Amino acid sequence: MLALSRKKNEALVINNNVEITVLEIKGEQVKLGISAPKEVPIYRKEVYVQIQDSNKESMNLDGLEALQNLLG
């Protein structure tokens, strides 16, 4: 993991097309602004994990149903 220090209004660039800027710092909370192309998905990690878990669950259920259909 790369750890960087940034101050308010400072930014970093990822992959030449994603820019993350520190907008505000209040106590232990940091507000970030993200500029990226529309085709680049951006999720909070907790939402991303929920999506991944849901996808895994869906694949498992679909596979089970397909197997049950095959076996009659």
PDB file of N, CA and C in Angstrom:
ATOM      1  N   MET A   1       0.847  -1.174   0.000  1.00  0.00           N
ATOM      2  CA  MET A   1       0.000   0.000   0.000  1.00  0.00           C
ATOM      3  C   MET A   1       0.892   1.237   0.000  1.00  0.00           C
ATOM      4  N   LEU A   2       0.558   2.177  -0.823  1.00  0.00           N
ATOM      5  CA  LEU A   2       1.243   3.456  -0.865  1.00  0.00           C
ATOM      6  C   LEU A   2       0.532   4.413   0.080  1.00  0.00           C
ATOM      7  N   ALA A   3       1.258   5.025   1.018  1.00  0.00           N
ATOM      8  CA  ALA A   3       0.677   5.987   1.948  1.00  0.00           C
ATOM      9  C   ALA A   3       1.209   7.371   1.594  1.00  0.00           C
ATOM     10  N   LEU A   4       0.301   8.318   1.373  1.00  0.00           N
ATOM     11  CA  LEU A   4       0.672   9.673   1.002  1.00  0.00           C
ATOM     12  C   LEU A   4       0.067  10.668   1.972  1.00  0.00           C
ATOM     13  N   SER A   5       0.755  11.764   2.178  1.00  0.00           N
ATOM     14  CA  SER A   5       0.210  12.870   2.968  1.00  0.00           C
ATOM     15  C   SER A   5      -0.231  13.958   2.000  1.00  0.00           C
ATOM     16  N   ARG A   6      -1.422  14.484   2.202  1.00  0.00           N
ATOM     17  CA  ARG A   6      -1.953  15.564   1.371  1.00  0.00           C
ATOM     18  C   ARG A   6      -2.602  16.591   2.282  1.00  0.00           C
ATOM     19  N   LYS A   7      -2.574  17.829   1.883  1.00  0.00           N
ATOM     20  CA  LYS A   7      -3.251  18.903   2.597  1.00  0.00           C
ATOM     21  C   LYS A   7      -4.480  19.313   1.798  1.00  0.00           C
ATOM     22  N   LYS A   8      -5.319  20.155   2.404  1.00  0.00           N
ATOM     23  CA  LYS A   8      -6.513  20.643   1.720  1.00  0.00           C
ATOM     24  C   LYS A   8      -6.127  21.249   0.367  1.00  0.00           C
ATOM     25  N   ASN A   9      -6.925  20.918  -0.648  1.00  0.00           N
ATOM     26  CA  ASN A   9      -6.760  21.367  -2.039  1.00  0.00           C
ATOM     27  C   ASN A   9      -5.587  20.716  -2.767  1.00  0.00           C
ATOM     28  N   GLU A  10      -4.898  19.779  -2.139  1.00  0.00           N
ATOM     29  CA  GLU A  10      -3.857  19.025  -2.838  1.00  0.00           C
ATOM     30  C   GLU A  10      -4.491  17.771  -3.432  1.00  0.00           C
ATOM     31  N   ALA A  11      -3.871  17.257  -4.481  1.00  0.00           N
ATOM     32  CA  ALA A  11      -4.471  16.138  -5.212  1.00  0.00           C
ATOM     33  C   ALA A  11      -3.429  15.078  -5.528  1.00  0.00           C
ATOM     34  N   LEU A  12      -3.921  13.967  -6.027  1.00  0.00           N
ATOM     35  CA  LEU A  12      -3.060  12.943  -6.604  1.00  0.00           C
ATOM     36  C   LEU A  12      -3.748  12.409  -7.847  1.00  0.00           C
ATOM     37  N   VAL A  13      -2.950  11.862  -8.748  1.00  0.00           N
ATOM     38  CA  VAL A  13      -3.472  11.360 -10.025  1.00  0.00           C
ATOM     39  C   VAL A  13      -3.179   9.871 -10.117  1.00  0.00           C
ATOM     40  N   ILE A  14      -4.181   9.110 -10.560  1.00  0.00           N
ATOM     41  CA  ILE A  14      -4.050   7.667 -10.740  1.00  0.00           C
ATOM     42  C   ILE A  14      -4.312   7.337 -12.200  1.00  0.00           C
ATOM     43  N   ASN A  15      -3.399   6.625 -12.814  1.00  0.00           N
ATOM     44  CA  ASN A  15      -3.568   6.109 -14.176  1.00  0.00           C
ATOM     45  C   ASN A  15      -3.852   7.210 -15.212  1.00  0.00           C
ATOM     46  N   ASN A  16      -3.318   8.380 -15.018  1.00  0.00           N
ATOM     47  CA  ASN A  16      -3.434   9.504 -15.955  1.00  0.00           C
ATOM     48  C   ASN A  16      -4.841  10.052 -16.154  1.00  0.00           C
ATOM     49  N   ASN A  17      -5.864   9.416 -15.595  1.00  0.00           N
ATOM     50  CA  ASN A  17      -7.220   9.905 -15.859  1.00  0.00           C
ATOM     51  C   ASN A  17      -8.134   9.957 -14.633  1.00  0.00           C
ATOM     52  N   VAL A  18      -7.597   9.674 -13.462  1.00  0.00           N
ATOM     53  CA  VAL A  18      -8.376   9.765 -12.227  1.00  0.00           C
ATOM     54  C   VAL A  18      -7.637  10.717 -11.283  1.00  0.00           C
ATOM     55  N   GLU A  19      -8.323  11.765 -10.851  1.00  0.00           N
ATOM     56  CA  GLU A  19      -7.723  12.729  -9.932  1.00  0.00           C
ATOM     57  C   GLU A  19      -8.522  12.764  -8.637  1.00  0.00           C
ATOM     58  N   ILE A  20      -7.820  12.628  -7.516  1.00  0.00           N
ATOM     59  CA  ILE A  20      -8.448  12.662  -6.202  1.00  0.00           C
ATOM     60  C   ILE A  20      -7.915  13.891  -5.469  1.00  0.00           C
ATOM     61  N   THR A  21      -8.834  14.754  -5.024  1.00  0.00           N
ATOM     62  CA  THR A  21      -8.463  16.003  -4.366  1.00  0.00           C
ATOM     63  C   THR A  21      -9.026  16.036  -2.952  1.00  0.00           C
ATOM     64  N   VAL A  22      -8.222  16.486  -2.010  1.00  0.00           N
ATOM     65  CA  VAL A  22      -8.688  16.682  -0.634  1.00  0.00           C
ATOM     66  C   VAL A  22      -9.474  17.993  -0.616  1.00  0.00           C
ATOM     67  N   LEU A  23     -10.775  17.903  -0.364  1.00  0.00           N
ATOM     68  CA  LEU A  23     -11.633  19.079  -0.378  1.00  0.00           C
ATOM     69  C   LEU A  23     -11.745  19.737   0.990  1.00  0.00           C
ATOM     70  N   GLU A  24     -11.788  18.907   2.035  1.00  0.00           N
ATOM     71  CA  GLU A  24     -12.039  19.442   3.377  1.00  0.00           C
ATOM     72  C   GLU A  24     -11.528  18.456   4.415  1.00  0.00           C
ATOM     73  N   ILE A  25     -11.044  18.986   5.515  1.00  0.00           N
ATOM     74  CA  ILE A  25     -10.608  18.159   6.635  1.00  0.00           C
ATOM     75  C   ILE A  25     -11.261  18.717   7.891  1.00  0.00           C
ATOM     76  N   LYS A  26     -12.057  17.875   8.562  1.00  0.00           N
ATOM     77  CA  LYS A  26     -12.715  18.271   9.819  1.00  0.00           C
ATOM     78  C   LYS A  26     -12.463  17.171  10.845  1.00  0.00           C
ATOM     79  N   GLY A  27     -11.620  17.441  11.807  1.00  0.00           N
ATOM     80  CA  GLY A  27     -11.318  16.432  12.822  1.00  0.00           C
ATOM     81  C   GLY A  27     -10.737  15.193  12.168  1.00  0.00           C
ATOM     82  N   GLU A  28     -11.426  14.069  12.357  1.00  0.00           N
ATOM     83  CA  GLU A  28     -10.953  12.809  11.782  1.00  0.00           C
ATOM     84  C   GLU A  28     -11.628  12.471  10.461  1.00  0.00           C
ATOM     85  N   GLN A  29     -12.396  13.386   9.921  1.00  0.00           N
ATOM     86  CA  GLN A  29     -13.097  13.142   8.665  1.00  0.00           C
ATOM     87  C   GLN A  29     -12.457  13.946   7.539  1.00  0.00           C
ATOM     88  N   VAL A  30     -12.262  13.276   6.411  1.00  0.00           N
ATOM     89  CA  VAL A  30     -11.678  13.911   5.230  1.00  0.00           C
ATOM     90  C   VAL A  30     -12.676  13.811   4.087  1.00  0.00           C
ATOM     91  N   LYS A  31     -12.954  14.920   3.421  1.00  0.00           N
ATOM     92  CA  LYS A  31     -13.852  14.918   2.264  1.00  0.00           C
ATOM     93  C   LYS A  31     -12.983  14.937   1.007  1.00  0.00           C
ATOM     94  N   LEU A  32     -13.211  13.962   0.124  1.00  0.00           N
ATOM     95  CA  LEU A  32     -12.438  13.824  -1.102  1.00  0.00           C
ATOM     96  C   LEU A  32     -13.310  14.116  -2.315  1.00  0.00           C
ATOM     97  N   GLY A  33     -12.719  14.712  -3.326  1.00  0.00           N
ATOM     98  CA  GLY A  33     -13.373  14.883  -4.619  1.00  0.00           C
ATOM     99  C   GLY A  33     -12.669  13.984  -5.618  1.00  0.00           C
ATOM    100  N   ILE A  34     -13.431  13.291  -6.440  1.00  0.00           N
ATOM    101  CA  ILE A  34     -12.848  12.369  -7.411  1.00  0.00           C
ATOM    102  C   ILE A  34     -13.310  12.756  -8.808  1.00  0.00           C
ATOM    103  N   SER A  35     -12.355  13.010  -9.685  1.00  0.00           N
ATOM    104  CA  SER A  35     -12.645  13.280 -11.097  1.00  0.00           C
ATOM    105  C   SER A  35     -12.151  12.090 -11.900  1.00  0.00           C
ATOM    106  N   ALA A  36     -13.079  11.460 -12.621  1.00  0.00           N
ATOM    107  CA  ALA A  36     -12.734  10.279 -13.407  1.00  0.00           C
ATOM    108  C   ALA A  36     -13.681  10.176 -14.595  1.00  0.00           C
ATOM    109  N   PRO A  37     -13.274   9.465 -15.645  1.00  0.00           N
ATOM    110  CA  PRO A  37     -14.183   9.243 -16.767  1.00  0.00           C
ATOM    111  C   PRO A  37     -15.437   8.499 -16.290  1.00  0.00           C
ATOM    112  N   LYS A  38     -16.549   8.726 -16.988  1.00  0.00           N
ATOM    113  CA  LYS A  38     -17.824   8.107 -16.596  1.00  0.00           C
ATOM    114  C   LYS A  38     -17.754   6.582 -16.587  1.00  0.00           C
ATOM    115  N   GLU A  39     -16.915   6.005 -17.442  1.00  0.00           N
ATOM    116  CA  GLU A  39     -16.848   4.537 -17.515  1.00  0.00           C
ATOM    117  C   GLU A  39     -16.038   3.919 -16.373  1.00  0.00           C
ATOM    118  N   VAL A  40     -15.438   4.741 -15.522  1.00  0.00           N
ATOM    119  CA  VAL A  40     -14.682   4.229 -14.377  1.00  0.00           C
ATOM    120  C   VAL A  40     -15.617   4.159 -13.170  1.00  0.00           C
ATOM    121  N   PRO A  41     -15.928   2.948 -12.698  1.00  0.00           N
ATOM    122  CA  PRO A  41     -16.813   2.839 -11.538  1.00  0.00           C
ATOM    123  C   PRO A  41     -16.074   3.251 -10.265  1.00  0.00           C
ATOM    124  N   ILE A  42     -16.777   3.976  -9.401  1.00  0.00           N
ATOM    125  CA  ILE A  42     -16.207   4.410  -8.127  1.00  0.00           C
ATOM    126  C   ILE A  42     -17.212   4.049  -7.037  1.00  0.00           C
ATOM    127  N   TYR A  43     -16.752   3.261  -6.055  1.00  0.00           N
ATOM    128  CA  TYR A  43     -17.617   2.818  -4.967  1.00  0.00           C
ATOM    129  C   TYR A  43     -16.929   3.049  -3.630  1.00  0.00           C
ATOM    130  N   ARG A  44     -17.713   3.314  -2.594  1.00  0.00           N
ATOM    131  CA  ARG A  44     -17.175   3.233  -1.235  1.00  0.00           C
ATOM    132  C   ARG A  44     -16.886   1.751  -1.001  1.00  0.00           C
ATOM    133  N   LYS A  45     -15.839   1.442  -0.253  1.00  0.00           N
ATOM    134  CA  LYS A  45     -15.430   0.046  -0.108  1.00  0.00           C
ATOM    135  C   LYS A  45     -16.538  -0.832   0.465  1.00  0.00           C
ATOM    136  N   GLU A  46     -17.292  -0.325   1.459  1.00  0.00           N
ATOM    137  CA  GLU A  46     -18.332  -1.162   2.062  1.00  0.00           C
ATOM    138  C   GLU A  46     -19.423  -1.509   1.050  1.00  0.00           C
ATOM    139  N   VAL A  47     -19.716  -0.607   0.127  1.00  0.00           N
ATOM    140  CA  VAL A  47     -20.698  -0.873  -0.927  1.00  0.00           C
ATOM    141  C   VAL A  47     -20.116  -1.874  -1.924  1.00  0.00           C
ATOM    142  N   TYR A  48     -18.853  -1.705  -2.282  1.00  0.00           N
ATOM    143  CA  TYR A  48     -18.182  -2.611  -3.208  1.00  0.00           C
ATOM    144  C   TYR A  48     -18.190  -4.046  -2.670  1.00  0.00           C
ATOM    145  N   VAL A  49     -17.899  -4.197  -1.378  1.00  0.00           N
ATOM    146  CA  VAL A  49     -17.897  -5.528  -0.764  1.00  0.00           C
ATOM    147  C   VAL A  49     -19.295  -6.143  -0.812  1.00  0.00           C
ATOM    148  N   GLN A  50     -20.334  -5.350  -0.547  1.00  0.00           N
ATOM    149  CA  GLN A  50     -21.709  -5.856  -0.621  1.00  0.00           C
ATOM    150  C   GLN A  50     -22.046  -6.318  -2.035  1.00  0.00           C
ATOM    151  N   ILE A  51     -21.633  -5.568  -3.027  1.00  0.00           N
ATOM    152  CA  ILE A  51     -21.887  -5.942  -4.424  1.00  0.00           C
ATOM    153  C   ILE A  51     -21.183  -7.255  -4.747  1.00  0.00           C
ATOM    154  N   GLN A  52     -19.918  -7.368  -4.332  1.00  0.00           N
ATOM    155  CA  GLN A  52     -19.169  -8.602  -4.596  1.00  0.00           C
ATOM    156  C   GLN A  52     -19.824  -9.800  -3.915  1.00  0.00           C
ATOM    157  N   ASP A  53     -20.234  -9.631  -2.651  1.00  0.00           N
ATOM    158  CA  ASP A  53     -20.884 -10.728  -1.925  1.00  0.00           C
ATOM    159  C   ASP A  53     -22.194 -11.126  -2.603  1.00  0.00           C
ATOM    160  N   SER A  54     -22.956 -10.143  -3.042  1.00  0.00           N
ATOM    161  CA  SER A  54     -24.223 -10.410  -3.713  1.00  0.00           C
ATOM    162  C   SER A  54     -23.993 -11.160  -5.026  1.00  0.00           C
ATOM    163  N   ASN A  55     -22.966 -10.757  -5.763  1.00  0.00           N
ATOM    164  CA  ASN A  55     -22.646 -11.435  -7.017  1.00  0.00           C
ATOM    165  C   ASN A  55     -22.236 -12.880  -6.780  1.00  0.00           C
ATOM    166  N   LYS A  56     -21.436 -13.112  -5.745  1.00  0.00           N
ATOM    167  CA  LYS A  56     -21.008 -14.482  -5.428  1.00  0.00           C
ATOM    168  C   LYS A  56     -22.214 -15.337  -5.050  1.00  0.00           C
ATOM    169  N   GLU A  57     -23.090 -14.771  -4.235  1.00  0.00           N
ATOM    170  CA  GLU A  57     -24.294 -15.491  -3.809  1.00  0.00           C
ATOM    171  C   GLU A  57     -25.174 -15.815  -5.007  1.00  0.00           C
ATOM    172  N   SER A  58     -25.326 -14.873  -5.895  1.00  0.00           N
ATOM    173  CA  SER A  58     -26.145 -15.070  -7.092  1.00  0.00           C
ATOM    174  C   SER A  58     -25.569 -16.171  -7.971  1.00  0.00           C
ATOM    175  N   MET A  59     -24.262 -16.175  -8.130  1.00  0.00           N
ATOM    176  CA  MET A  59     -23.619 -17.209  -8.950  1.00  0.00           C
ATOM    177  C   MET A  59     -23.823 -18.583  -8.334  1.00  0.00           C
ATOM    178  N   ASN A  60     -23.713 -18.670  -7.019  1.00  0.00           N
ATOM    179  CA  ASN A  60     -23.900 -19.952  -6.337  1.00  0.00           C
ATOM    180  C   ASN A  60     -25.331 -20.445  -6.492  1.00  0.00           C
ATOM    181  N   LEU A  61     -26.309 -19.550  -6.360  1.00  0.00           N
ATOM    182  CA  LEU A  61     -27.712 -19.946  -6.497  1.00  0.00           C
ATOM    183  C   LEU A  61     -28.023 -20.350  -7.933  1.00  0.00           C
ATOM    184  N   ASP A  62     -27.515 -19.599  -8.907  1.00  0.00           N
ATOM    185  CA  ASP A  62     -27.755 -19.927 -10.314  1.00  0.00           C
ATOM    186  C   ASP A  62     -27.147 -21.281 -10.660  1.00  0.00           C
ATOM    187  N   GLY A  63     -25.953 -21.542 -10.151  1.00  0.00           N
ATOM    188  CA  GLY A  63     -25.297 -22.819 -10.409  1.00  0.00           C
ATOM    189  C   GLY A  63     -26.060 -23.978  -9.803  1.00  0.00           C
ATOM    190  N   LEU A  64     -26.597 -23.780  -8.611  1.00  0.00           N
ATOM    191  CA  LEU A  64     -27.369 -24.819  -7.934  1.00  0.00           C
ATOM    192  C   LEU A  64     -28.652 -25.100  -8.698  1.00  0.00           C
ATOM    193  N   GLU A  65     -29.331 -24.044  -9.147  1.00  0.00           N
ATOM    194  CA  GLU A  65     -30.566 -24.229  -9.915  1.00  0.00           C
ATOM    195  C   GLU A  65     -30.289 -24.946 -11.232  1.00  0.00           C
ATOM    196  N   ALA A  66     -29.213 -24.596 -11.894  1.00  0.00           N
ATOM    197  CA  ALA A  66     -28.863 -25.244 -13.161  1.00  0.00           C
ATOM    198  C   ALA A  66     -28.592 -26.723 -12.933  1.00  0.00           C
ATOM    199  N   LEU A  67     -27.893 -27.044 -11.862  1.00  0.00           N
ATOM    200  CA  LEU A  67     -27.612 -28.444 -11.539  1.00  0.00           C
ATOM    201  C   LEU A  67     -28.897 -29.194 -11.230  1.00  0.00           C
ATOM    202  N   GLN A  68     -29.801 -28.579 -10.482  1.00  0.00           N
ATOM    203  CA  GLN A  68     -31.069 -29.220 -10.169  1.00  0.00           C
ATOM    204  C   GLN A  68     -31.887 -29.454 -11.444  1.00  0.00           C
ATOM    205  N   ASN A  69     -31.881 -28.510 -12.357  1.00  0.00           N
ATOM    206  CA  ASN A  69     -32.595 -28.669 -13.627  1.00  0.00           C
ATOM    207  C   ASN A  69     -32.000 -29.789 -14.461  1.00  0.00           C
ATOM    208  N   LEU A  70     -30.698 -29.911 -14.441  1.00  0.00           N
ATOM    209  CA  LEU A  70     -30.019 -30.965 -15.183  1.00  0.00           C
ATOM    210  C   LEU A  70     -30.372 -32.351 -14.635  1.00  0.00           C
ATOM    211  N   LEU A  71     -30.445 -32.439 -13.305  1.00  0.00           N
ATOM    212  CA  LEU A  71     -30.735 -33.714 -12.678  1.00  0.00           C
ATOM    213  C   LEU A  71     -32.215 -34.058 -12.675  1.00  0.00           C
ATOM    214  N   GLY A  72     -33.045 -33.052 -12.985  1.00  0.00           N
ATOM    215  CA  GLY A  72     -34.483 -33.279 -13.115  1.00  0.00           C
ATOM    216  C   GLY A  72     -35.143 -33.252 -11.818  1.00  0.00           C
TER     217      GLY A  72
END
